[in-house]
C-alpha atoms as a PDB file:
ATOM      1  CA  MET A   1    -113.710 -10.148-164.045  1.00  0.00           C
ATOM      2  CA  THR A   2    -116.833  -8.084-164.715  1.00  0.00           C
ATOM      3  CA  ASP A   3    -120.205  -9.674-164.016  1.00  0.00           C
ATOM      4  CA  SER A   4    -121.409 -11.369-167.210  1.00  0.00           C
ATOM      5  CA  ASN A   5    -124.664  -9.396-167.054  1.00  0.00           C
ATOM      6  CA  GLY A   6    -122.957  -6.066-167.698  1.00  0.00           C
ATOM      7  CA  PRO A   7    -120.319  -3.558-166.641  1.00  0.00           C
ATOM      8  CA  ILE A   8    -119.868  -2.239-163.119  1.00  0.00           C
ATOM      9  CA  GLY A   9    -121.285   1.191-162.328  1.00  0.00           C
ATOM     10  CA  PHE A  10    -119.085   3.541-160.292  1.00  0.00           C
ATOM     11  CA  VAL A  11    -120.235   6.848-158.801  1.00  0.00           C
ATOM     12  CA  GLY A  12    -117.904   9.300-157.053  1.00  0.00           C
ATOM     13  CA  LEU A  13    -114.451   9.974-158.485  1.00  0.00           C
ATOM     14  CA  GLY A  14    -112.906  11.989-155.679  1.00  0.00           C
ATOM     15  CA  LEU A  15    -109.441  11.588-154.170  1.00  0.00           C
ATOM     16  CA  MET A  16    -110.053   7.952-153.289  1.00  0.00           C
ATOM     17  CA  GLY A  17    -112.827   7.005-155.699  1.00  0.00           C
ATOM     18  CA  ALA A  18    -110.839   7.802-158.837  1.00  0.00           C
ATOM     19  CA  ALA A  19    -107.940   5.633-157.688  1.00  0.00           C
ATOM     20  CA  MET A  20    -110.275   2.797-156.753  1.00  0.00           C
ATOM     21  CA  ALA A  21    -111.950   2.944-160.158  1.00  0.00           C
ATOM     22  CA  GLU A  22    -108.561   2.936-161.900  1.00  0.00           C
ATOM     23  CA  ASN A  23    -107.571  -0.208-160.018  1.00  0.00           C
ATOM     24  CA  MET A  24    -110.829  -1.881-161.020  1.00  0.00           C
ATOM     25  CA  LEU A  25    -110.082  -1.094-164.666  1.00  0.00           C
ATOM     26  CA  ALA A  26    -106.522  -2.382-164.294  1.00  0.00           C
ATOM     27  CA  ALA A  27    -107.929  -5.665-162.963  1.00  0.00           C
ATOM     28  CA  GLY A  28    -109.913  -6.155-166.150  1.00  0.00           C
ATOM     29  CA  ASN A  29    -113.339  -4.868-165.102  1.00  0.00           C
ATOM     30  CA  ASP A  30    -115.587  -2.964-167.498  1.00  0.00           C
ATOM     31  CA  LEU A  31    -116.797   0.273-165.889  1.00  0.00           C
ATOM     32  CA  VAL A  32    -119.445   2.882-166.480  1.00  0.00           C
ATOM     33  CA  VAL A  33    -118.728   5.941-164.354  1.00  0.00           C
ATOM     34  CA  TRP A  34    -120.668   8.980-163.247  1.00  0.00           C
ATOM     35  CA  ASN A  35    -119.220  11.992-161.494  1.00  0.00           C
ATOM     36  CA  ARG A  36    -120.561  15.469-160.822  1.00  0.00           C
ATOM     37  CA  SER A  37    -117.472  17.140-162.323  1.00  0.00           C
ATOM     38  CA  ASP A  38    -116.034  16.371-165.746  1.00  0.00           C
ATOM     39  CA  ALA A  39    -112.270  16.125-165.238  1.00  0.00           C
ATOM     40  CA  ALA A  40    -112.149  12.903-163.206  1.00  0.00           C
ATOM     41  CA  ALA A  41    -114.751  11.191-165.392  1.00  0.00           C
ATOM     42  CA  ASP A  42    -112.851  12.206-168.533  1.00  0.00           C
ATOM     43  CA  ARG A  43    -109.659  10.747-167.042  1.00  0.00           C
ATOM     44  CA  LEU A  44    -111.425   7.408-166.433  1.00  0.00           C
ATOM     45  CA  ARG A  45    -112.820   7.458-169.956  1.00  0.00           C
ATOM     46  CA  GLU A  46    -109.275   7.885-171.303  1.00  0.00           C
ATOM     47  CA  LEU A  47    -108.348   4.736-169.369  1.00  0.00           C
ATOM     48  CA  GLY A  48    -111.168   2.734-170.919  1.00  0.00           C
ATOM     49  CA  ALA A  49    -114.295   3.395-168.856  1.00  0.00           C
ATOM     50  CA  ASP A  50    -117.593   4.460-170.364  1.00  0.00           C
ATOM     51  CA  ARG A  51    -119.176   7.594-168.985  1.00  0.00           C
ATOM     52  CA  ALA A  52    -122.836   8.034-168.062  1.00  0.00           C
ATOM     53  CA  THR A  53    -124.371  11.508-168.269  1.00  0.00           C
ATOM     54  CA  THR A  54    -126.776  10.767-165.395  1.00  0.00           C
ATOM     55  CA  THR A  55    -127.072   8.016-162.803  1.00  0.00           C
ATOM     56  CA  ALA A  56    -130.010   6.696-164.816  1.00  0.00           C
ATOM     57  CA  GLY A  57    -127.363   5.602-167.294  1.00  0.00           C
ATOM     58  CA  LEU A  58    -126.155   3.061-164.739  1.00  0.00           C
ATOM     59  CA  SER A  59    -129.528   1.359-164.351  1.00  0.00           C
ATOM     60  CA  ARG A  60    -128.571  -1.825-166.237  1.00  0.00           C
ATOM     61  CA  CYS A  61    -125.355  -2.411-164.291  1.00  0.00           C
ATOM     62  CA  PRO A  62    -125.526  -5.578-162.140  1.00  0.00           C
ATOM     63  CA  VAL A  63    -123.315  -3.952-159.479  1.00  0.00           C
ATOM     64  CA  LEU A  64    -123.214  -0.230-158.695  1.00  0.00           C
ATOM     65  CA  ILE A  65    -120.538   1.219-156.402  1.00  0.00           C
ATOM     66  CA  PHE A  66    -120.933   4.540-154.618  1.00  0.00           C
ATOM     67  CA  MET A  67    -117.931   6.415-153.185  1.00  0.00           C
ATOM     68  CA  LEU A  68    -119.472   9.711-152.114  1.00  0.00           C
ATOM     69  CA  PRO A  69    -119.066  11.598-148.815  1.00  0.00           C
ATOM     70  CA  ASP A  70    -122.318  10.468-147.158  1.00  0.00           C
ATOM     71  CA  LEU A  71    -125.766   8.995-147.724  1.00  0.00           C
ATOM     72  CA  PRO A  72    -127.434  12.362-148.494  1.00  0.00           C
ATOM     73  CA  HIS A  73    -125.015  12.784-151.414  1.00  0.00           C
ATOM     74  CA  ILE A  74    -125.982   9.335-152.706  1.00  0.00           C
ATOM     75  CA  GLU A  75    -129.687  10.109-152.319  1.00  0.00           C
ATOM     76  CA  ALA A  76    -129.255  13.390-154.194  1.00  0.00           C
ATOM     77  CA  CYS A  77    -127.661  11.789-157.258  1.00  0.00           C
ATOM     78  CA  ILE A  78    -130.011   8.798-157.566  1.00  0.00           C
ATOM     79  CA  ASN A  79    -133.267  10.716-157.063  1.00  0.00           C
ATOM     80  CA  GLY A  80    -134.947  13.030-159.557  1.00  0.00           C
ATOM     81  CA  ALA A  81    -136.314  12.582-163.046  1.00  0.00           C
ATOM     82  CA  ASP A  82    -132.930  11.605-164.501  1.00  0.00           C
ATOM     83  CA  GLY A  83    -131.768   9.557-161.532  1.00  0.00           C
ATOM     84  CA  LEU A  84    -131.187   5.860-161.053  1.00  0.00           C
ATOM     85  CA  LEU A  85    -134.365   5.251-159.052  1.00  0.00           C
ATOM     86  CA  ALA A  86    -136.640   6.780-161.687  1.00  0.00           C
ATOM     87  CA  ALA A  87    -134.983   4.560-164.302  1.00  0.00           C
ATOM     88  CA  TRP A  88    -135.592   1.544-162.093  1.00  0.00           C
ATOM     89  CA  ASP A  89    -139.207   2.585-161.562  1.00  0.00           C
ATOM     90  CA  ALA A  90    -139.671   2.602-165.346  1.00  0.00           C
ATOM     91  CA  THR A  91    -137.740  -0.631-165.933  1.00  0.00           C
ATOM     92  CA  PRO A  92    -137.162  -2.607-162.727  1.00  0.00           C
ATOM     93  CA  PRO A  93    -133.616  -3.692-161.951  1.00  0.00           C
ATOM     94  CA  ALA A  94    -132.613  -7.217-162.862  1.00  0.00           C
ATOM     95  CA  PRO A  95    -132.923  -9.605-159.903  1.00  0.00           C
ATOM     96  CA  GLY A  96    -129.634  -9.803-158.059  1.00  0.00           C
ATOM     97  CA  THR A  97    -128.633  -6.180-158.676  1.00  0.00           C
ATOM     98  CA  ILE A  98    -126.348  -4.960-155.862  1.00  0.00           C
ATOM     99  CA  LEU A  99    -125.847  -1.361-154.802  1.00  0.00           C
ATOM    100  CA  VAL A 100    -122.543  -1.134-152.875  1.00  0.00           C
ATOM    101  CA  VAL A 101    -122.029   1.855-150.574  1.00  0.00           C
ATOM    102  CA  MET A 102    -118.286   2.206-149.968  1.00  0.00           C
ATOM    103  CA  SER A 103    -118.647   5.600-148.300  1.00  0.00           C
ATOM    104  CA  SER A 104    -118.422   6.100-144.529  1.00  0.00           C
ATOM    105  CA  VAL A 105    -122.060   6.398-143.481  1.00  0.00           C
ATOM    106  CA  SER A 106    -124.301   5.975-140.469  1.00  0.00           C
ATOM    107  CA  PRO A 107    -124.787   2.291-139.528  1.00  0.00           C
ATOM    108  CA  THR A 108    -128.471   2.878-138.819  1.00  0.00           C
ATOM    109  CA  GLY A 109    -128.831   5.148-141.831  1.00  0.00           C
ATOM    110  CA  ILE A 110    -127.543   2.503-144.240  1.00  0.00           C
ATOM    111  CA  GLN A 111    -129.884  -0.097-142.760  1.00  0.00           C
ATOM    112  CA  GLU A 112    -132.855   2.202-143.318  1.00  0.00           C
ATOM    113  CA  PHE A 113    -131.669   3.023-146.846  1.00  0.00           C
ATOM    114  CA  ALA A 114    -131.236  -0.671-147.668  1.00  0.00           C
ATOM    115  CA  SER A 115    -134.694  -1.514-146.354  1.00  0.00           C
ATOM    116  CA  ARG A 116    -136.270   1.266-148.415  1.00  0.00           C
ATOM    117  CA  ILE A 117    -134.513   0.251-151.662  1.00  0.00           C
ATOM    118  CA  GLU A 118    -135.351  -3.428-151.208  1.00  0.00           C
ATOM    119  CA  ARG A 119    -139.034  -2.684-150.495  1.00  0.00           C
ATOM    120  CA  ARG A 120    -139.354  -0.283-153.419  1.00  0.00           C
ATOM    121  CA  PHE A 121    -137.975  -2.785-155.922  1.00  0.00           C
ATOM    122  CA  ALA A 122    -139.429  -5.957-154.435  1.00  0.00           C
ATOM    123  CA  GLY A 123    -136.051  -7.373-153.460  1.00  0.00           C
ATOM    124  CA  ALA A 124    -134.601  -7.244-156.979  1.00  0.00           C
ATOM    125  CA  ALA A 125    -131.963  -4.733-155.792  1.00  0.00           C
ATOM    126  CA  THR A 126    -130.096  -5.185-152.537  1.00  0.00           C
ATOM    127  CA  VAL A 127    -127.793  -2.820-150.665  1.00  0.00           C
ATOM    128  CA  VAL A 128    -124.379  -3.716-149.257  1.00  0.00           C
ATOM    129  CA  ASP A 129    -122.171  -1.433-147.166  1.00  0.00           C
ATOM    130  CA  ALA A 130    -118.428  -1.828-147.726  1.00  0.00           C
ATOM    131  CA  PRO A 131    -116.567   1.181-146.287  1.00  0.00           C
ATOM    132  CA  VAL A 132    -112.816   1.371-146.620  1.00  0.00           C
ATOM    133  CA  SER A 133    -109.776   2.382-144.606  1.00  0.00           C
ATOM    134  CA  GLY A 134    -106.317   3.224-145.872  1.00  0.00           C
ATOM    135  CA  GLY A 135    -106.673   6.725-147.205  1.00  0.00           C
ATOM    136  CA  THR A 136    -105.686   7.986-150.608  1.00  0.00           C
ATOM    137  CA  GLY A 137    -102.406   6.064-150.452  1.00  0.00           C
ATOM    138  CA  GLY A 138    -104.237   2.787-149.892  1.00  0.00           C
ATOM    139  CA  ALA A 139    -106.682   3.601-152.677  1.00  0.00           C
ATOM    140  CA  ILE A 140    -103.833   4.246-155.117  1.00  0.00           C
ATOM    141  CA  SER A 141    -101.898   1.106-154.172  1.00  0.00           C
ATOM    142  CA  GLY A 142    -105.009  -1.094-154.055  1.00  0.00           C
ATOM    143  CA  SER A 143    -104.250  -2.044-150.451  1.00  0.00           C
ATOM    144  CA  LEU A 144    -107.402  -0.769-148.731  1.00  0.00           C
ATOM    145  CA  ALA A 145    -109.019  -2.551-145.813  1.00  0.00           C
ATOM    146  CA  ILE A 146    -112.669  -3.154-146.724  1.00  0.00           C
ATOM    147  CA  MET A 147    -115.355  -3.879-144.111  1.00  0.00           C
ATOM    148  CA  VAL A 148    -118.436  -5.490-145.633  1.00  0.00           C
ATOM    149  CA  GLY A 149    -121.989  -5.654-144.343  1.00  0.00           C
ATOM    150  CA  ALA A 150    -123.918  -8.080-146.553  1.00  0.00           C
ATOM    151  CA  GLU A 151    -125.562 -11.447-146.881  1.00  0.00           C
ATOM    152  CA  ALA A 152    -122.940 -14.182-147.235  1.00  0.00           C
ATOM    153  CA  ALA A 153    -123.860 -14.920-150.864  1.00  0.00           C
ATOM    154  CA  ASP A 154    -123.528 -11.253-151.835  1.00  0.00           C
ATOM    155  CA  PHE A 155    -120.175 -11.027-150.062  1.00  0.00           C
ATOM    156  CA  ASP A 156    -118.892 -14.069-151.961  1.00  0.00           C
ATOM    157  CA  ARG A 157    -120.071 -12.596-155.258  1.00  0.00           C
ATOM    158  CA  LEU A 158    -118.442  -9.232-154.573  1.00  0.00           C
ATOM    159  CA  HIS A 159    -115.162 -10.493-153.138  1.00  0.00           C
ATOM    160  CA  PRO A 160    -113.260 -10.754-156.458  1.00  0.00           C
ATOM    161  CA  LEU A 161    -114.328  -7.215-157.355  1.00  0.00           C
ATOM    162  CA  LEU A 162    -113.386  -5.810-153.954  1.00  0.00           C
ATOM    163  CA  SER A 163    -110.020  -7.571-154.227  1.00  0.00           C
ATOM    164  CA  SER A 164    -109.096  -5.211-157.049  1.00  0.00           C
ATOM    165  CA  MET A 165    -109.263  -2.344-154.536  1.00  0.00           C
ATOM    166  CA  GLY A 166    -108.133  -3.858-151.243  1.00  0.00           C
ATOM    167  CA  THR A 167    -106.030  -6.547-149.625  1.00  0.00           C
ATOM    168  CA  THR A 168    -107.856  -6.990-146.309  1.00  0.00           C
ATOM    169  CA  ILE A 169    -111.518  -7.748-147.028  1.00  0.00           C
ATOM    170  CA  ARG A 170    -113.730  -9.043-144.252  1.00  0.00           C
ATOM    171  CA  HIS A 171    -117.407  -9.969-143.984  1.00  0.00           C
ATOM    172  CA  MET A 172    -118.540  -8.241-140.782  1.00  0.00           C
ATOM    173  CA  GLY A 173    -122.187  -9.368-140.790  1.00  0.00           C
ATOM    174  CA  PRO A 174    -125.464  -8.093-142.301  1.00  0.00           C
ATOM    175  CA  VAL A 175    -125.916  -4.657-143.848  1.00  0.00           C
ATOM    176  CA  GLY A 176    -124.858  -1.948-141.400  1.00  0.00           C
ATOM    177  CA  SER A 177    -122.082  -4.076-139.926  1.00  0.00           C
ATOM    178  CA  GLY A 178    -119.482  -2.692-142.302  1.00  0.00           C
ATOM    179  CA  SER A 179    -120.364   0.861-141.337  1.00  0.00           C
ATOM    180  CA  LEU A 180    -120.218  -0.005-137.643  1.00  0.00           C
ATOM    181  CA  ALA A 181    -116.762  -1.530-138.169  1.00  0.00           C
ATOM    182  CA  LYS A 182    -115.690   1.655-139.961  1.00  0.00           C
ATOM    183  CA  ALA A 183    -116.956   3.718-137.029  1.00  0.00           C
ATOM    184  CA  CYS A 184    -114.757   1.618-134.729  1.00  0.00           C
ATOM    185  CA  ASN A 185    -111.851   2.172-137.125  1.00  0.00           C
ATOM    186  CA  GLN A 186    -112.393   5.912-136.948  1.00  0.00           C
ATOM    187  CA  VAL A 187    -112.276   5.874-133.146  1.00  0.00           C
ATOM    188  CA  VAL A 188    -108.744   4.487-133.363  1.00  0.00           C
ATOM    189  CA  VAL A 189    -107.605   6.726-136.233  1.00  0.00           C
ATOM    190  CA  GLY A 190    -109.194   9.929-134.958  1.00  0.00           C
ATOM    191  CA  VAL A 191    -108.115   9.552-131.349  1.00  0.00           C
ATOM    192  CA  THR A 192    -104.605   8.380-132.274  1.00  0.00           C
ATOM    193  CA  THR A 193    -104.092  11.246-134.718  1.00  0.00           C
ATOM    194  CA  ALA A 194    -105.132  13.780-132.089  1.00  0.00           C
ATOM    195  CA  ALA A 195    -102.932  12.127-129.453  1.00  0.00           C
ATOM    196  CA  ILE A 196     -99.860  12.179-131.706  1.00  0.00           C
ATOM    197  CA  ALA A 197    -100.525  15.819-132.614  1.00  0.00           C
ATOM    198  CA  GLU A 198    -100.742  16.661-128.931  1.00  0.00           C
ATOM    199  CA  ALA A 199     -97.465  14.849-128.202  1.00  0.00           C
ATOM    200  CA  VAL A 200     -95.725  16.600-131.100  1.00  0.00           C
ATOM    201  CA  LEU A 201     -96.951  20.015-129.976  1.00  0.00           C
ATOM    202  CA  LEU A 202     -95.786  19.385-126.414  1.00  0.00           C
ATOM    203  CA  ALA A 203     -92.378  18.290-127.704  1.00  0.00           C
ATOM    204  CA  GLU A 204     -92.091  21.331-129.964  1.00  0.00           C
ATOM    205  CA  ARG A 205     -92.889  23.730-127.145  1.00  0.00           C
ATOM    206  CA  SER A 206     -90.508  21.948-124.798  1.00  0.00           C
ATOM    207  CA  GLY A 207     -87.588  22.173-127.185  1.00  0.00           C
ATOM    208  CA  LEU A 208     -87.265  18.476-128.016  1.00  0.00           C
ATOM    209  CA  ASP A 209     -85.997  17.278-131.376  1.00  0.00           C
ATOM    210  CA  VAL A 210     -89.347  16.243-132.777  1.00  0.00           C
ATOM    211  CA  ALA A 211     -87.889  14.150-135.604  1.00  0.00           C
ATOM    212  CA  SER A 212     -85.953  12.111-133.039  1.00  0.00           C
ATOM    213  CA  LEU A 213     -89.055  11.801-130.893  1.00  0.00           C
ATOM    214  CA  LEU A 214     -91.058  10.432-133.801  1.00  0.00           C
ATOM    215  CA  GLU A 215     -88.329   7.910-134.542  1.00  0.00           C
ATOM    216  CA  VAL A 216     -88.294   6.728-130.929  1.00  0.00           C
ATOM    217  CA  LEU A 217     -92.084   6.506-130.788  1.00  0.00           C
ATOM    218  CA  GLY A 218     -92.120   4.509-134.014  1.00  0.00           C
ATOM    219  CA  GLY A 219     -89.666   1.996-132.596  1.00  0.00           C
ATOM    220  CA  GLY A 220     -91.686   1.311-129.464  1.00  0.00           C
ATOM    221  CA  LEU A 221     -95.193   0.411-128.418  1.00  0.00           C
ATOM    222  CA  ALA A 222     -96.484   3.759-129.708  1.00  0.00           C
ATOM    223  CA  GLY A 223     -95.588   2.781-133.270  1.00  0.00           C
ATOM    224  CA  SER A 224     -98.492   2.517-135.709  1.00  0.00           C
ATOM    225  CA  ASN A 225     -99.529   3.201-139.286  1.00  0.00           C
ATOM    226  CA  VAL A 226    -101.158   6.395-138.020  1.00  0.00           C
ATOM    227  CA  LEU A 227     -97.868   7.562-136.495  1.00  0.00           C
ATOM    228  CA  GLU A 228     -95.966   6.635-139.642  1.00  0.00           C
ATOM    229  CA  THR A 229     -98.406   8.608-141.801  1.00  0.00           C
ATOM    230  CA  MET A 230     -99.146  11.600-139.584  1.00  0.00           C
ATOM    231  CA  GLY A 231     -95.823  12.174-137.835  1.00  0.00           C
ATOM    232  CA  PRO A 232     -94.003  13.534-140.910  1.00  0.00           C
ATOM    233  CA  ARG A 233     -97.056  15.647-141.788  1.00  0.00           C
ATOM    234  CA  PHE A 234     -97.033  17.259-138.350  1.00  0.00           C
ATOM    235  CA  LEU A 235     -93.305  17.857-138.593  1.00  0.00           C
ATOM    236  CA  SER A 236     -93.566  19.611-141.979  1.00  0.00           C
ATOM    237  CA  ARG A 237     -96.943  21.298-141.345  1.00  0.00           C
ATOM    238  CA  ASP A 238     -98.321  19.420-144.341  1.00  0.00           C
ATOM    239  CA  TYR A 239    -102.084  19.889-144.232  1.00  0.00           C
ATOM    240  CA  ALA A 240    -102.789  19.281-147.936  1.00  0.00           C
ATOM    241  CA  PRO A 241    -105.866  17.036-148.117  1.00  0.00           C
ATOM    242  CA  ALA A 242    -105.363  13.318-148.510  1.00  0.00           C
ATOM    243  CA  GLY A 243    -108.412  12.687-146.335  1.00  0.00           C
ATOM    244  CA  PRO A 244    -110.448  15.816-145.452  1.00  0.00           C
ATOM    245  CA  ALA A 245    -110.675  16.448-141.715  1.00  0.00           C
ATOM    246  CA  ALA A 246    -114.407  17.148-141.974  1.00  0.00           C
ATOM    247  CA  PHE A 247    -114.943  13.466-142.750  1.00  0.00           C
ATOM    248  CA  MET A 248    -113.480  12.482-139.387  1.00  0.00           C
ATOM    249  CA  SER A 249    -115.847  14.853-137.627  1.00  0.00           C
ATOM    250  CA  LYS A 250    -118.739  13.268-139.530  1.00  0.00           C
ATOM    251  CA  ASP A 251    -117.593   9.730-138.770  1.00  0.00           C
ATOM    252  CA  LEU A 252    -117.116  10.347-135.048  1.00  0.00           C
ATOM    253  CA  GLY A 253    -120.696  11.583-135.032  1.00  0.00           C
ATOM    254  CA  PHE A 254    -121.681   8.096-136.206  1.00  0.00           C
ATOM    255  CA  VAL A 255    -119.663   6.659-133.305  1.00  0.00           C
ATOM    256  CA  GLU A 256    -121.672   8.791-130.881  1.00  0.00           C
ATOM    257  CA  GLU A 257    -124.881   7.611-132.559  1.00  0.00           C
ATOM    258  CA  ALA A 258    -123.880   3.937-132.217  1.00  0.00           C
ATOM    259  CA  ALA A 259    -122.724   4.454-128.632  1.00  0.00           C
ATOM    260  CA  ALA A 260    -126.070   5.979-127.685  1.00  0.00           C
ATOM    261  CA  ALA A 261    -127.960   3.098-129.327  1.00  0.00           C
ATOM    262  CA  THR A 262    -125.951   0.467-127.450  1.00  0.00           C
ATOM    263  CA  GLY A 263    -125.451   2.252-124.133  1.00  0.00           C
ATOM    264  CA  THR A 264    -121.679   2.176-124.597  1.00  0.00           C
ATOM    265  CA  ALA A 265    -119.513   4.659-122.696  1.00  0.00           C
ATOM    266  CA  THR A 266    -117.149   6.378-125.157  1.00  0.00           C
ATOM    267  CA  PRO A 267    -115.518   9.286-123.269  1.00  0.00           C
ATOM    268  CA  VAL A 268    -112.326   9.195-125.346  1.00  0.00           C
ATOM    269  CA  SER A 269    -113.982   9.288-128.761  1.00  0.00           C
ATOM    270  CA  THR A 270    -116.546  11.818-127.494  1.00  0.00           C
ATOM    271  CA  SER A 271    -113.718  14.172-126.511  1.00  0.00           C
ATOM    272  CA  ALA A 272    -112.097  13.629-129.915  1.00  0.00           C
ATOM    273  CA  SER A 273    -115.414  14.324-131.616  1.00  0.00           C
ATOM    274  CA  THR A 274    -115.646  17.660-129.809  1.00  0.00           C
ATOM    275  CA  LEU A 275    -112.121  18.515-130.955  1.00  0.00           C
ATOM    276  CA  TYR A 276    -112.844  17.706-134.612  1.00  0.00           C
ATOM    277  CA  ARG A 277    -116.084  19.701-134.503  1.00  0.00           C
ATOM    278  CA  GLN A 278    -114.014  22.690-133.359  1.00  0.00           C
ATOM    279  CA  LEU A 279    -111.686  22.066-136.285  1.00  0.00           C
ATOM    280  CA  VAL A 280    -114.554  22.221-138.768  1.00  0.00           C
ATOM    281  CA  ALA A 281    -116.047  25.295-137.052  1.00  0.00           C
ATOM    282  CA  ARG A 282    -112.728  27.123-137.527  1.00  0.00           C
ATOM    283  CA  GLY A 283    -112.809  26.458-141.266  1.00  0.00           C
ATOM    284  CA  PHE A 284    -110.226  23.657-141.384  1.00  0.00           C
ATOM    285  CA  GLY A 285    -112.583  20.916-142.559  1.00  0.00           C
ATOM    286  CA  ALA A 286    -111.281  20.797-146.134  1.00  0.00           C
ATOM    287  CA  SER A 287    -107.677  20.372-144.957  1.00  0.00           C
ATOM    288  CA  ASP A 288    -106.115  17.004-144.201  1.00  0.00           C
ATOM    289  CA  LEU A 289    -106.765  15.265-140.899  1.00  0.00           C
ATOM    290  CA  SER A 290    -103.243  16.339-139.930  1.00  0.00           C
ATOM    291  CA  VAL A 291    -104.568  19.880-139.495  1.00  0.00           C
ATOM    292  CA  VAL A 292    -105.589  18.865-135.964  1.00  0.00           C
ATOM    293  CA  HIS A 293    -101.965  19.735-135.137  1.00  0.00           C
ATOM    294  CA  ARG A 294    -102.588  23.339-136.201  1.00  0.00           C
ATOM    295  CA  LEU A 295    -105.824  23.479-134.253  1.00  0.00           C
ATOM    296  CA  LEU A 296    -104.140  22.332-131.051  1.00  0.00           C
ATOM    297  CA  GLY A 297    -101.510  24.997-131.546  1.00  0.00           C
ATOM    298  CA  GLU A 298    -104.188  27.667-131.866  1.00  0.00           C
ATOM    299  CA  LEU A 299    -105.968  26.385-128.755  1.00  0.00           C
ATOM    300  CA  SER A 300    -102.741  26.510-126.730  1.00  0.00           C
ATOM    301  CA  THR A 301    -101.640  29.519-124.722  1.00  0.00           C
ATOM    302  CA  PRO A 302     -98.463  31.245-125.957  1.00  0.00           C
ATOM    303  CA  ALA A 303     -95.262  29.700-124.629  1.00  0.00           C
ATOM    304  CA  SER A 304     -93.767  31.761-121.826  1.00  0.00           C
END
C-alpha cells in the first residue's frame, strides 16, 4: 500500500500515534519513524519499521505524517540543522510530497504553516490537515474518525493510507477545514464530558445510585459515545490518561479563536473552556479528560 516512491514517514509515537503507526504497518505500509524518546520508536522497529535518527532522515518520504501535540512541536522537530526543512533546502522535496498534520491544531495556524511550506519549496511539498477523533481506543482499533482539509486530488491519494487508521474519513474542504471540523468535534466532546461529570457529581451528592443513573441515561436521549466512555471512568475515579485533559483546554482555545474570526456566539463552549483552563491551572492537565469530575468536586462546597 505504500507509495511507490518510498516509505511513509511518521513522527510522534505517543499514546495515539504509536497505535496508528502499528495499524499502518499491519496494513502493509513501509514506515520510517522518528520519535523524541527511544522506547516507542524501538517498539515500532521491532514490528518492521525503520527508524530515523533525525527528521532529516525522513526527507525522501513521499508522505510524512505528524502526530504531535501542536504546531509548535512540529516546528521544533523539523527546524534546525538536522531537521527536515534543512534537508529539503539542500535537496528539494520531490514534487507531490505531502506533509500530513494529524494533530489537533489551530485552523488559521495550519493555513499559515501550509502557505509558508508551499512558498519555501515552490509548491513541491503541500500540507494537509487530517485531525482525528476516537481517542486511544479508536487509535488501537483502527476506527478513528478522520477530518481532512486538502485538495481533492491529495485527499484521494491519501484515502487508502488513512483507511488503515480510521473508518470514518471525510474530505471537509481545503487545508484548515479538517482542523475546524476537529474544533467543532471538541465542542461536543468537551461540553458533553463536563455535563456528564456535573450530573454524576450531583447524583453522588444526592444519594442516587450512580451506576443505575448511567444505565438510564445511556438508554435514553442522553446516550452517547462520550457517556459510554466517560461514565464508568467517573464512577471508578479513573483519571489515568487516555487523552490528556490539557489537550481539550488547548482545543477549546482554537474554538474561541474560530468563533472570534467568524463572529459566532459560543457561550457554552466558552464556559467549558474556562473550566478546562482551571483544570490545567490546578495541575490536572496530564490526567485524562475524565479528571473534570474531580475538578468539579473540588469546586463544590462540602455537602451539608
